[in-house]
Amino acid sequence: MGLAQVLLVAAAATAAAWYFTLAEWHATYWGFPLDDAWIHLQFAKNIGHGLGFSYNPGIPVAGSTAPLWTLVLAIPAALHLDPILSTKIIGLTLTIATATLAGEVVRWLSGSRGAGLYTALLLALSPRMAWGSLSGMEVGLYATLTVGTLLAYLRALESGRPWWGLLAGLAGTARPETFIVFPILALDWSVRSIRGRLPGSRLLTFVQPLALFAIPAGAFIALNYATSGHPLPLTFYAKTYGMGTLPSIMEGRWHDALRDAQWFPIDYVYQLLTWCEKEFPDLALAGLVGACALLGMVTGAAARRSGAYLIVAVLIASPVLKGLGAPEPPLMVHEGRYVFHLLALFVIVGVIGVLELKRFVRPGWVVPLFMVATIARLGLALYDNRTDYALRVKNINDLQIATARWLQKATTPDVRIATNDIGAIAYFSERFIIDTEGLITPEAIHPKRMQRYVPFLESERPDLLVIFPEWYPRIVARTDLFHEVYRIHADQVAAGAPALVMYRTPWTRPSTVPGLVQ
């Protein structure tokens, strides 16, 4: 894509993000639509201030599922830049990069610059991508790296350049689900190498991308081992609950393994395609035609490009492999924040399908008119989605940030707070956090699975307990131990429950909560 086209894409993405921001400012003050964004910023703040990869300052922990994103955010934190503004600017820049790279993939496959620009504009104006730009989450980073990996791989089939391996490894450190892309490409690479279809020296060409992938992948594992003693982030062990075919096989639960294999992969493919079709209903039929073209079932320009089928392979294999390996957390949780890269691939497939349909549809102006209409429809979709985004930000501001502000005023700096919602509460209160969900407190993972919360709390001895009461009925029922002292309520849109409730505990030190303990 030329500079003028990139600037047009950037202008479109910026306009979409600005439109959402205006709605946000009308409803509340600047923030994020998920509390998880503040988890990344808490890690980034500690890293930027020289306190290591820690959540509670100076205590290393592998609590970030996306350590590369956390490290990116540590740069503005170290420079003492505004965390919200800098994070949103980075997110917007990455959305523009994702859209531009997706356009380059289509141009590479089809030879059409116009189709590439059309692809990029579809993503730049997508309400979901606008949400991702401003969410404070890693979606733009891993989407950029994943689409960049596929583009680099397609080019490598003709040039032999190995950089796709490095990009694939970096994508995995930005979101572990995208590690799935590498074995798919590596299998194709291996088959081509065995058949002598790769350019250059067979052994060197084969080994280089694998070695490059190992650098960030090895760093990812090393970081997790160094901080928590496990190869994966604590979030994996806290959220998976042993579900999925592979975990069940490893634990000898053969019936569960068979049941999960029959259900999750097919269901997750259905969920993904339904979500993509909801975002781009105009491309539903074109997506099917595009998939046939990329798989070589239709003799179009895309089918003649080596490796074109891999776009479809990654799009379908990703939800299948997640369903087999780690169906929890669910595929479509949090606005689909784990699958933004697959949304970009769906658009690529759909645009290829539009180009194929153009060869057969008459009169010739019908398809160009359709393309203009799809762009116009996205403008209406942005209008429909802006309020939802703004209300989600307001929910987090009114509940989690308000709770943190209250804790900062009501407690002393040496207080120990146990909570299930650790993001904004930790960032703004600047208090020591015990995570009852286990994301940053590994000691909580086993008691959580066994529903043995009270013994866990007894071992940690928090001064205050701050929880969604609906999540912990066994704790709430123990009125002999836990006494409500305050609650904050907000209209539930994004948060896990409508209220956060503060409880006094048997271990409350009066000096840490002056005025709350009689």
Protein backbone atom coordinates (compact mmCIF):
# COMPACT_ATOMS: atom_id res chain seq x y z
CA MET A 1 0.00 0.00 0.00
CA GLY A 2 1.23 3.47 -0.86
CA LEU A 3 1.66 6.31 1.61
CA ALA A 4 -1.58 8.00 0.55
CA GLN A 5 -3.54 4.78 1.14
CA VAL A 6 -1.93 4.23 4.55
CA LEU A 7 -2.82 7.79 5.55
CA LEU A 8 -6.40 7.21 4.44
CA VAL A 9 -6.59 4.06 6.56
CA ALA A 10 -5.05 5.92 9.51
CA ALA A 11 -7.59 8.72 9.14
CA ALA A 12 -10.48 6.23 9.07
CA ALA A 13 -9.28 4.38 12.20
CA THR A 14 -8.62 7.64 14.02
CA ALA A 15 -12.08 8.95 13.15
CA ALA A 16 -13.71 5.77 14.46
CA ALA A 17 -11.69 5.92 17.70
CA TRP A 18 -12.45 9.63 18.13
CA TYR A 19 -16.16 8.99 17.64
CA PHE A 20 -16.09 6.40 20.43
CA THR A 21 -14.04 8.74 22.62
CA LEU A 22 -16.59 11.55 22.27
CA ALA A 23 -19.30 9.15 23.46
CA GLU A 24 -17.04 8.11 26.33
CA TRP A 25 -16.49 11.71 27.44
CA HIS A 26 -20.23 12.36 27.25
CA ALA A 27 -20.96 9.43 29.57
CA THR A 28 -18.01 9.55 31.97
CA TYR A 29 -14.33 10.43 32.17
CA TRP A 30 -11.48 8.76 30.28
CA GLY A 31 -10.91 5.11 31.09
CA PHE A 32 -11.10 1.59 29.72
CA PRO A 33 -14.02 -0.78 29.03
CA LEU A 34 -12.35 -3.65 30.92
CA ASP A 35 -10.78 -3.74 34.37
CA ASP A 36 -8.09 -6.04 32.94
CA ALA A 37 -6.44 -3.05 31.23
CA TRP A 38 -5.49 -1.77 34.66
CA ILE A 39 -3.83 -5.12 35.43
CA HIS A 40 -1.42 -4.54 32.55
CA LEU A 41 -0.86 -0.95 33.66
CA GLN A 42 -0.14 -2.02 37.24
CA PHE A 43 2.55 -4.42 36.01
CA ALA A 44 3.83 -1.75 33.60
CA LYS A 45 4.03 0.85 36.36
CA ASN A 46 6.16 -1.40 38.55
CA ILE A 47 8.43 -2.37 35.65
CA GLY A 48 8.78 1.25 34.58
CA HIS A 49 9.71 2.26 38.14
CA GLY A 50 12.39 -0.43 38.38
CA LEU A 51 10.43 -2.80 40.64
CA GLY A 52 10.64 -5.80 38.33
CA PHE A 53 7.91 -7.91 36.75
CA SER A 54 5.70 -7.59 39.81
CA TYR A 55 2.14 -6.74 40.73
CA ASN A 56 2.66 -6.01 44.39
CA PRO A 57 5.85 -3.92 44.12
CA GLY A 58 9.03 -5.98 44.28
CA ILE A 59 7.33 -9.42 44.39
CA PRO A 60 7.89 -11.16 41.01
CA VAL A 61 4.88 -12.98 39.59
CA ALA A 62 3.85 -14.32 36.18
CA GLY A 63 0.43 -12.73 36.28
CA SER A 64 0.40 -11.20 32.80
CA THR A 65 -0.95 -13.40 30.03
CA ALA A 66 0.47 -10.95 27.50
CA PRO A 67 3.94 -10.02 28.80
CA LEU A 68 5.00 -8.35 25.54
CA TRP A 69 2.05 -5.94 25.82
CA THR A 70 2.93 -5.29 29.45
CA LEU A 71 6.51 -4.47 28.46
CA VAL A 72 5.29 -2.13 25.71
CA LEU A 73 3.19 -0.25 28.28
CA ALA A 74 6.18 -0.07 30.62
CA ILE A 75 7.88 2.33 28.19
CA PRO A 76 5.42 5.24 28.68
CA ALA A 77 5.28 4.33 32.39
CA ALA A 78 9.04 4.75 32.66
CA LEU A 79 8.75 8.08 30.84
CA HIS A 80 5.99 9.19 33.26
CA LEU A 81 3.51 9.73 30.43
CA ASP A 82 -0.23 9.74 30.98
CA PRO A 83 -1.18 6.04 31.16
CA ILE A 84 -4.60 6.34 29.53
CA LEU A 85 -3.60 8.62 26.68
CA SER A 86 -0.40 6.74 25.86
CA THR A 87 -2.12 3.36 25.98
CA LYS A 88 -4.91 4.49 23.68
CA ILE A 89 -2.46 6.03 21.20
CA ILE A 90 -0.47 2.80 21.10
CA GLY A 91 -3.68 0.80 20.64
CA LEU A 92 -4.84 3.02 17.79
CA THR A 93 -1.45 2.80 16.07
CA LEU A 94 -1.55 -0.98 16.26
CA THR A 95 -5.08 -1.08 14.86
CA ILE A 96 -3.87 0.95 11.88
CA ALA A 97 -0.96 -1.47 11.50
CA THR A 98 -3.29 -4.49 11.61
CA ALA A 99 -5.58 -3.01 8.97
CA THR A 100 -2.66 -2.04 6.73
CA LEU A 101 -1.01 -5.46 6.97
CA ALA A 102 -4.32 -7.20 6.25
CA GLY A 103 -4.65 -5.01 3.16
CA GLU A 104 -1.13 -6.05 2.13
CA VAL A 105 -2.08 -9.73 2.48
CA VAL A 106 -5.04 -9.24 0.14
CA ARG A 107 -2.91 -7.27 -2.31
CA TRP A 108 -0.29 -10.03 -2.25
CA LEU A 109 -2.89 -12.72 -2.86
CA SER A 110 -4.97 -10.91 -5.46
CA GLY A 111 -2.62 -8.41 -7.07
CA SER A 112 -5.21 -5.68 -6.54
CA ARG A 113 -4.25 -2.49 -4.69
CA GLY A 114 -7.89 -1.45 -4.57
CA ALA A 115 -8.86 -4.69 -2.83
CA GLY A 116 -6.05 -4.15 -0.35
CA LEU A 117 -7.30 -0.67 0.48
CA TYR A 118 -10.87 -1.95 0.78
CA THR A 119 -9.71 -4.61 3.27
CA ALA A 120 -7.81 -2.09 5.35
CA LEU A 121 -10.76 0.31 5.47
CA LEU A 122 -13.14 -2.44 6.56
CA LEU A 123 -10.94 -3.17 9.56
CA ALA A 124 -10.14 0.48 10.30
CA LEU A 125 -13.85 1.33 10.49
CA SER A 126 -14.92 -1.83 12.32
CA PRO A 127 -16.62 -1.04 15.68
CA ARG A 128 -14.88 -4.05 17.17
CA MET A 129 -11.47 -2.80 16.09
CA ALA A 130 -12.32 0.68 17.40
CA TRP A 131 -13.16 -0.93 20.73
CA GLY A 132 -9.82 -2.73 20.63
CA SER A 133 -7.96 0.50 19.87
CA LEU A 134 -9.24 2.11 23.06
CA SER A 135 -9.58 -0.94 25.31
CA GLY A 136 -6.12 -0.81 26.88
CA MET A 137 -5.77 -4.49 26.01
CA GLU A 138 -3.27 -6.38 23.88
CA VAL A 139 -5.63 -7.01 20.96
CA GLY A 140 -3.96 -4.64 18.50
CA LEU A 141 -0.48 -5.96 19.28
CA TYR A 142 -1.17 -9.65 18.77
CA ALA A 143 -3.41 -8.96 15.75
CA THR A 144 -0.64 -6.93 14.11
CA LEU A 145 1.98 -9.57 14.81
CA THR A 146 -0.22 -12.46 13.66
CA VAL A 147 -1.25 -10.84 10.37
CA GLY A 148 2.36 -9.74 9.93
CA THR A 149 3.48 -13.34 10.49
CA LEU A 150 1.19 -14.63 7.76
CA LEU A 151 2.25 -11.92 5.32
CA ALA A 152 5.93 -12.60 6.04
CA TYR A 153 5.35 -16.34 5.61
CA LEU A 154 3.61 -15.96 2.24
CA ARG A 155 6.48 -13.83 1.03
CA ALA A 156 9.03 -16.24 2.50
CA LEU A 157 7.70 -19.03 0.29
CA GLU A 158 9.19 -17.10 -2.60
CA SER A 159 12.14 -15.34 -0.91
CA GLY A 160 13.16 -17.83 1.79
CA ARG A 161 13.44 -15.09 4.42
CA PRO A 162 13.05 -16.48 7.95
CA TRP A 163 11.53 -13.53 9.82
CA TRP A 164 8.07 -15.04 10.00
CA GLY A 165 9.38 -17.31 12.76
CA LEU A 166 10.39 -14.37 14.94
CA LEU A 167 7.07 -12.62 14.34
CA ALA A 168 5.16 -15.80 15.25
CA GLY A 169 7.07 -16.06 18.51
CA LEU A 170 6.45 -12.42 19.37
CA ALA A 171 2.74 -12.85 18.61
CA GLY A 172 2.58 -15.66 21.16
CA THR A 173 4.14 -13.48 23.84
CA ALA A 174 1.47 -10.87 23.09
CA ARG A 175 -1.35 -13.43 23.39
CA PRO A 176 -0.63 -17.15 24.02
CA GLU A 177 -3.54 -18.32 21.83
CA THR A 178 -1.62 -17.06 18.80
CA PHE A 179 1.19 -19.55 19.46
CA ILE A 180 -1.18 -21.86 17.55
CA VAL A 181 -0.20 -20.14 14.30
CA PHE A 182 3.43 -21.29 14.42
CA PRO A 183 2.94 -25.09 14.32
CA ILE A 184 0.51 -24.70 11.41
CA LEU A 185 3.04 -22.70 9.41
CA ALA A 186 5.96 -24.84 10.57
CA LEU A 187 4.21 -27.99 9.34
CA ASP A 188 3.68 -26.45 5.93
CA TRP A 189 7.30 -25.20 5.94
CA SER A 190 8.57 -28.68 6.82
CA VAL A 191 6.62 -30.39 4.05
CA ARG A 192 7.87 -27.88 1.51
CA SER A 193 11.42 -28.33 2.76
CA ILE A 194 11.23 -32.12 2.45
CA ARG A 195 9.91 -31.76 -1.09
CA GLY A 196 12.62 -29.24 -1.97
CA ARG A 197 10.19 -26.43 -2.66
CA LEU A 198 11.86 -23.74 -0.55
CA PRO A 199 14.35 -21.30 -2.07
CA GLY A 200 18.01 -21.38 -1.01
CA SER A 201 19.93 -23.96 1.01
CA ARG A 202 17.44 -26.59 2.21
CA LEU A 203 18.82 -27.07 5.74
CA LEU A 204 19.58 -23.41 6.48
CA THR A 205 16.31 -22.17 5.05
CA PHE A 206 14.41 -24.75 7.08
CA VAL A 207 16.16 -24.12 10.41
CA GLN A 208 16.38 -20.32 10.52
CA PRO A 209 12.69 -19.47 11.19
CA LEU A 210 12.45 -22.24 13.78
CA ALA A 211 15.45 -20.84 15.62
CA LEU A 212 14.05 -17.31 15.45
CA PHE A 213 10.73 -18.51 16.87
CA ALA A 214 12.55 -20.13 19.77
CA ILE A 215 13.97 -16.77 20.95
CA PRO A 216 10.73 -15.05 22.08
CA ALA A 217 9.04 -18.38 22.89
CA GLY A 218 11.96 -19.34 25.11
CA ALA A 219 11.95 -15.90 26.76
CA PHE A 220 8.22 -16.30 27.44
CA ILE A 221 8.76 -19.63 29.19
CA ALA A 222 11.85 -18.37 31.04
CA LEU A 223 9.98 -15.34 32.37
CA ASN A 224 7.17 -17.50 33.69
CA TYR A 225 9.58 -19.98 35.31
CA ALA A 226 11.64 -17.20 36.87
CA THR A 227 8.66 -15.42 38.38
CA SER A 228 6.31 -18.28 39.29
CA GLY A 229 8.05 -21.62 38.65
CA HIS A 230 5.72 -22.67 35.82
CA PRO A 231 6.12 -22.60 32.02
CA LEU A 232 2.86 -20.70 31.49
CA PRO A 233 1.41 -17.60 33.15
CA LEU A 234 -0.54 -18.09 36.36
CA THR A 235 -3.64 -16.94 34.49
CA PHE A 236 -3.61 -20.25 32.58
CA TYR A 237 -3.64 -22.36 35.75
CA ALA A 238 -6.18 -20.07 37.43
CA LYS A 239 -8.68 -20.08 34.56
CA THR A 240 -8.50 -23.46 32.79
CA TYR A 241 -10.03 -25.61 35.57
CA GLY A 242 -8.53 -28.73 33.92
CA MET A 243 -11.06 -28.56 31.09
CA GLY A 244 -10.29 -29.61 27.52
CA THR A 245 -9.28 -32.81 25.77
CA LEU A 246 -5.52 -32.49 26.28
CA PRO A 247 -5.67 -31.63 30.02
CA SER A 248 -8.16 -34.46 30.52
CA ILE A 249 -5.87 -36.95 28.75
CA MET A 250 -2.90 -35.80 30.84
CA GLU A 251 -4.92 -36.42 34.01
CA GLY A 252 -6.31 -39.76 32.81
CA ARG A 253 -9.92 -38.57 32.53
CA TRP A 254 -10.70 -40.36 29.27
CA HIS A 255 -14.46 -39.87 29.35
CA ASP A 256 -14.04 -36.12 29.86
CA ALA A 257 -11.46 -36.03 27.06
CA LEU A 258 -13.85 -37.66 24.60
CA ARG A 259 -16.78 -35.49 25.64
CA ASP A 260 -14.76 -32.28 25.33
CA ALA A 261 -13.38 -33.33 21.92
CA GLN A 262 -16.91 -33.84 20.64
CA TRP A 263 -18.18 -30.50 21.88
CA PHE A 264 -15.68 -27.66 22.22
CA PRO A 265 -13.89 -27.65 18.81
CA ILE A 266 -17.07 -27.61 16.73
CA ASP A 267 -18.81 -25.21 19.07
CA TYR A 268 -15.86 -22.79 19.04
CA VAL A 269 -15.70 -22.76 15.23
CA TYR A 270 -19.40 -21.97 15.19
CA GLN A 271 -19.00 -19.23 17.81
CA LEU A 272 -16.12 -17.65 15.91
CA LEU A 273 -17.85 -17.61 12.53
CA THR A 274 -21.07 -16.31 14.10
CA TRP A 275 -19.14 -13.49 15.79
CA CYS A 276 -17.32 -12.59 12.57
CA GLU A 277 -20.57 -12.66 10.60
CA LYS A 278 -22.21 -10.41 13.19
CA GLU A 279 -19.41 -7.87 12.77
CA PHE A 280 -19.35 -8.15 8.96
CA PRO A 281 -22.73 -9.57 7.85
CA ASP A 282 -22.07 -8.30 4.33
CA LEU A 283 -19.18 -10.74 3.95
CA ALA A 284 -20.93 -13.94 5.02
CA LEU A 285 -21.47 -15.33 1.51
CA ALA A 286 -18.24 -13.83 0.24
CA GLY A 287 -16.39 -15.53 3.10
CA LEU A 288 -17.55 -18.93 1.89
CA VAL A 289 -16.57 -18.13 -1.69
CA GLY A 290 -13.24 -16.72 -0.52
CA ALA A 291 -12.48 -19.84 1.48
CA CYS A 292 -13.12 -21.98 -1.60
CA ALA A 293 -10.84 -19.71 -3.64
CA LEU A 294 -8.00 -19.81 -1.11
CA LEU A 295 -8.31 -23.60 -0.85
CA GLY A 296 -7.90 -23.87 -4.61
CA MET A 297 -11.47 -24.94 -5.32
CA VAL A 298 -11.96 -21.86 -7.50
CA THR A 299 -9.34 -20.92 -10.06
CA GLY A 300 -8.88 -17.26 -9.16
CA ALA A 301 -5.76 -15.17 -8.67
CA ALA A 302 -5.59 -15.94 -4.95
CA ALA A 303 -5.44 -19.68 -5.53
CA ARG A 304 -2.34 -19.27 -7.67
CA ARG A 305 -0.33 -17.78 -4.78
CA SER A 306 1.65 -20.39 -2.89
CA GLY A 307 0.40 -20.97 0.64
CA ALA A 308 -2.90 -19.12 0.17
CA TYR A 309 -4.80 -21.97 1.85
CA LEU A 310 -3.01 -21.22 5.15
CA ILE A 311 -5.25 -18.19 5.78
CA VAL A 312 -8.24 -20.51 5.99
CA ALA A 313 -6.25 -23.16 7.87
CA VAL A 314 -5.31 -20.72 10.65
CA LEU A 315 -8.83 -19.26 10.77
CA ILE A 316 -10.45 -22.67 11.35
CA ALA A 317 -7.69 -24.51 13.22
CA SER A 318 -7.31 -21.81 15.89
CA PRO A 319 -10.72 -22.30 17.54
CA VAL A 320 -10.45 -26.08 17.07
CA LEU A 321 -7.09 -26.28 18.83
CA LYS A 322 -8.21 -23.93 21.60
CA GLY A 323 -11.26 -26.11 22.13
CA LEU A 324 -9.04 -29.17 22.44
CA GLY A 325 -6.33 -27.62 24.57
CA ALA A 326 -7.79 -24.85 26.76
CA PRO A 327 -11.52 -24.18 26.34
CA GLU A 328 -11.45 -21.99 29.44
CA PRO A 329 -11.61 -19.04 29.45
CA PRO A 330 -14.33 -19.16 26.76
CA LEU A 331 -13.41 -18.21 23.21
CA MET A 332 -15.68 -15.18 22.96
CA VAL A 333 -15.28 -13.69 26.44
CA HIS A 334 -14.80 -9.91 26.76
CA GLU A 335 -15.96 -8.81 23.32
CA GLY A 336 -13.88 -11.51 21.63
CA ARG A 337 -10.61 -10.06 22.95
CA TYR A 338 -8.76 -13.34 22.31
CA VAL A 339 -9.65 -13.62 18.61
CA PHE A 340 -9.18 -10.20 17.01
CA HIS A 341 -6.51 -11.66 14.73
CA LEU A 342 -9.09 -14.13 13.42
CA LEU A 343 -11.50 -11.29 12.69
CA ALA A 344 -8.81 -9.78 10.45
CA LEU A 345 -8.35 -13.15 8.71
CA PHE A 346 -12.11 -13.44 8.19
CA VAL A 347 -12.10 -10.05 6.45
CA ILE A 348 -9.20 -11.16 4.25
CA VAL A 349 -11.08 -14.30 3.24
CA GLY A 350 -14.28 -12.30 2.65
CA VAL A 351 -12.60 -9.74 0.42
CA ILE A 352 -11.02 -12.51 -1.64
CA GLY A 353 -14.53 -13.88 -2.02
CA VAL A 354 -15.84 -10.49 -3.16
CA LEU A 355 -13.16 -10.43 -5.85
CA GLU A 356 -14.15 -13.91 -7.00
CA LEU A 357 -17.82 -12.94 -7.15
CA LYS A 358 -16.89 -9.90 -9.22
CA ARG A 359 -15.79 -12.25 -12.02
CA PHE A 360 -19.29 -13.70 -12.33
CA VAL A 361 -21.75 -11.00 -11.23
CA ARG A 362 -23.24 -8.82 -13.94
CA PRO A 363 -23.61 -5.91 -14.52
CA GLY A 364 -20.07 -4.96 -13.50
CA TRP A 365 -21.06 -2.05 -11.27
CA VAL A 366 -22.92 -4.27 -8.75
CA VAL A 367 -19.86 -5.43 -6.80
CA PRO A 368 -18.21 -1.96 -6.58
CA LEU A 369 -21.53 -0.59 -5.33
CA PHE A 370 -21.67 -3.42 -2.77
CA MET A 371 -18.17 -2.52 -1.56
CA VAL A 372 -19.16 1.11 -1.06
CA ALA A 373 -22.30 0.01 0.79
CA THR A 374 -20.32 -2.17 3.21
CA ILE A 375 -18.11 0.79 4.11
CA ALA A 376 -21.19 2.98 4.64
CA ARG A 377 -22.81 0.31 6.82
CA LEU A 378 -19.81 0.35 9.14
CA GLY A 379 -20.52 4.03 9.78
CA LEU A 380 -23.98 3.07 11.03
CA ALA A 381 -22.47 0.23 13.08
CA LEU A 382 -20.12 2.69 14.79
CA TYR A 383 -23.14 4.79 15.70
CA ASP A 384 -24.89 1.75 17.17
CA ASN A 385 -21.87 0.59 19.20
CA ARG A 386 -20.56 3.87 20.57
CA THR A 387 -22.98 3.98 23.52
CA ASP A 388 -22.19 0.42 24.57
CA TYR A 389 -18.48 1.21 24.64
CA ALA A 390 -19.05 4.39 26.65
CA LEU A 391 -21.26 2.61 29.19
CA ARG A 392 -18.65 -0.08 29.68
CA VAL A 393 -16.03 2.53 30.48
CA LYS A 394 -18.46 4.24 32.83
CA ASN A 395 -19.16 0.96 34.61
CA ILE A 396 -15.46 0.37 35.33
CA ASN A 397 -14.98 3.99 36.42
CA ASP A 398 -18.03 3.98 38.68
CA LEU A 399 -17.30 0.62 40.29
CA GLN A 400 -13.66 -0.50 40.28
CA ILE A 401 -12.00 2.92 40.20
CA ALA A 402 -14.47 4.34 42.72
CA THR A 403 -13.74 1.39 45.02
CA ALA A 404 -10.01 2.00 44.69
CA ARG A 405 -10.43 5.68 45.55
CA TRP A 406 -12.46 4.74 48.64
CA LEU A 407 -9.82 2.24 49.75
CA GLN A 408 -7.08 4.81 49.32
CA LYS A 409 -8.92 7.20 51.65
CA ALA A 410 -10.19 4.64 54.17
CA THR A 411 -7.06 2.52 54.67
CA THR A 412 -3.41 2.99 55.48
CA PRO A 413 -0.59 2.01 53.06
CA ASP A 414 0.28 -1.17 55.01
CA VAL A 415 -3.21 -2.67 54.70
CA ARG A 416 -3.65 -6.12 53.10
CA ILE A 417 -6.65 -6.34 50.76
CA ALA A 418 -8.07 -9.59 49.39
CA THR A 419 -10.14 -9.08 46.25
CA ASN A 420 -11.33 -10.86 43.13
CA ASP A 421 -11.09 -7.76 40.91
CA ILE A 422 -7.48 -6.70 41.03
CA GLY A 423 -6.99 -4.18 38.19
CA ALA A 424 -8.05 -0.64 39.02
CA ILE A 425 -8.22 -1.48 42.72
CA ALA A 426 -4.48 -2.15 42.82
CA TYR A 427 -3.49 0.63 40.41
CA PHE A 428 -5.32 3.48 42.14
CA SER A 429 -5.36 2.37 45.78
CA GLU A 430 -1.65 1.46 45.78
CA ARG A 431 -2.33 -1.19 48.43
CA PHE A 432 -1.04 -4.75 48.85
CA ILE A 433 -3.34 -7.12 46.95
CA ILE A 434 -4.22 -10.75 47.63
CA ASP A 435 -5.99 -12.16 44.57
CA THR A 436 -8.75 -14.62 45.46
CA GLU A 437 -8.94 -15.71 41.81
CA GLY A 438 -5.25 -16.68 41.68
CA LEU A 439 -4.09 -14.51 38.78
CA ILE A 440 -1.29 -12.98 40.85
CA THR A 441 -1.57 -15.09 44.01
CA PRO A 442 -0.72 -18.70 43.10
CA GLU A 443 -1.64 -19.92 46.57
CA ALA A 444 -5.30 -19.19 45.73
CA ILE A 445 -5.55 -21.47 42.69
CA HIS A 446 -6.06 -24.82 44.43
CA PRO A 447 -8.41 -23.49 47.16
CA LYS A 448 -10.43 -21.80 44.43
CA ARG A 449 -10.93 -25.07 42.57
CA MET A 450 -11.82 -26.85 45.81
CA GLN A 451 -14.11 -24.00 46.94
CA ARG A 452 -12.06 -23.74 50.14
CA TYR A 453 -11.96 -19.97 50.33
CA VAL A 454 -12.12 -19.52 54.09
CA PRO A 455 -9.01 -21.63 54.84
CA PHE A 456 -7.17 -19.73 52.12
CA LEU A 457 -8.17 -16.38 53.59
CA GLU A 458 -7.18 -17.60 57.02
CA SER A 459 -3.70 -18.39 55.71
CA GLU A 460 -3.38 -14.96 54.04
CA ARG A 461 -5.04 -12.94 56.87
CA PRO A 462 -6.30 -9.91 54.91
CA ASP A 463 -7.40 -6.78 56.71
CA LEU A 464 -10.23 -6.21 54.24
CA LEU A 465 -12.10 -8.43 51.81
CA VAL A 466 -13.42 -6.71 48.65
CA ILE A 467 -15.48 -9.02 46.44
CA PHE A 468 -18.48 -9.54 44.21
CA PRO A 469 -20.73 -11.30 46.76
CA GLU A 470 -22.47 -13.27 43.98
CA TRP A 471 -19.18 -14.98 43.20
CA TYR A 472 -18.56 -16.21 46.74
CA PRO A 473 -21.78 -17.35 48.42
CA ARG A 474 -19.86 -19.51 50.89
CA ILE A 475 -17.89 -16.53 52.11
CA VAL A 476 -20.93 -14.28 52.32
CA ALA A 477 -22.75 -16.95 54.32
CA ARG A 478 -20.06 -16.81 57.03
CA THR A 479 -21.46 -13.78 58.81
CA ASP A 480 -19.64 -14.91 61.93
CA LEU A 481 -16.35 -14.10 60.20
CA PHE A 482 -17.00 -11.44 57.57
CA HIS A 483 -18.94 -8.25 58.25
CA GLU A 484 -19.93 -5.80 55.57
CA VAL A 485 -18.63 -2.28 56.15
CA TYR A 486 -19.24 -0.60 52.80
CA ARG A 487 -20.45 -1.26 49.28
CA ILE A 488 -20.28 0.52 45.94
CA HIS A 489 -22.95 -0.11 43.31
CA ALA A 490 -22.96 0.70 39.58
CA ASP A 491 -25.09 -0.23 36.59
CA GLN A 492 -23.63 -3.55 35.42
CA VAL A 493 -22.45 -3.48 31.81
CA ALA A 494 -18.82 -4.63 31.83
CA ALA A 495 -18.12 -5.61 35.44
CA GLY A 496 -18.65 -9.10 36.80
CA ALA A 497 -21.42 -8.02 39.18
CA PRO A 498 -23.37 -4.86 40.05
CA ALA A 499 -21.61 -4.16 43.36
CA LEU A 500 -18.28 -4.49 45.11
CA VAL A 501 -18.68 -5.10 48.85
CA MET A 502 -16.04 -4.43 51.51
CA TYR A 503 -15.95 -6.81 54.48
CA ARG A 504 -14.15 -6.63 57.80
CA THR A 505 -12.35 -9.90 58.56
CA PRO A 506 -11.27 -11.67 61.79
CA TRP A 507 -7.72 -10.58 60.96
CA THR A 508 -8.45 -6.90 60.45
CA ARG A 509 -5.84 -4.73 62.16
CA PRO A 510 -7.63 -1.63 63.49
CA SER A 511 -4.64 0.56 62.66
CA THR A 512 -4.95 -0.23 58.91
CA VAL A 513 -8.63 0.74 58.61
CA PRO A 514 -9.10 3.69 60.96
CA GLY A 515 -12.73 4.52 61.57
CA LEU A 516 -14.09 1.22 60.21
CA VAL A 517 -13.42 -1.05 63.16
CA GLN A 518 -15.22 -0.28 66.39
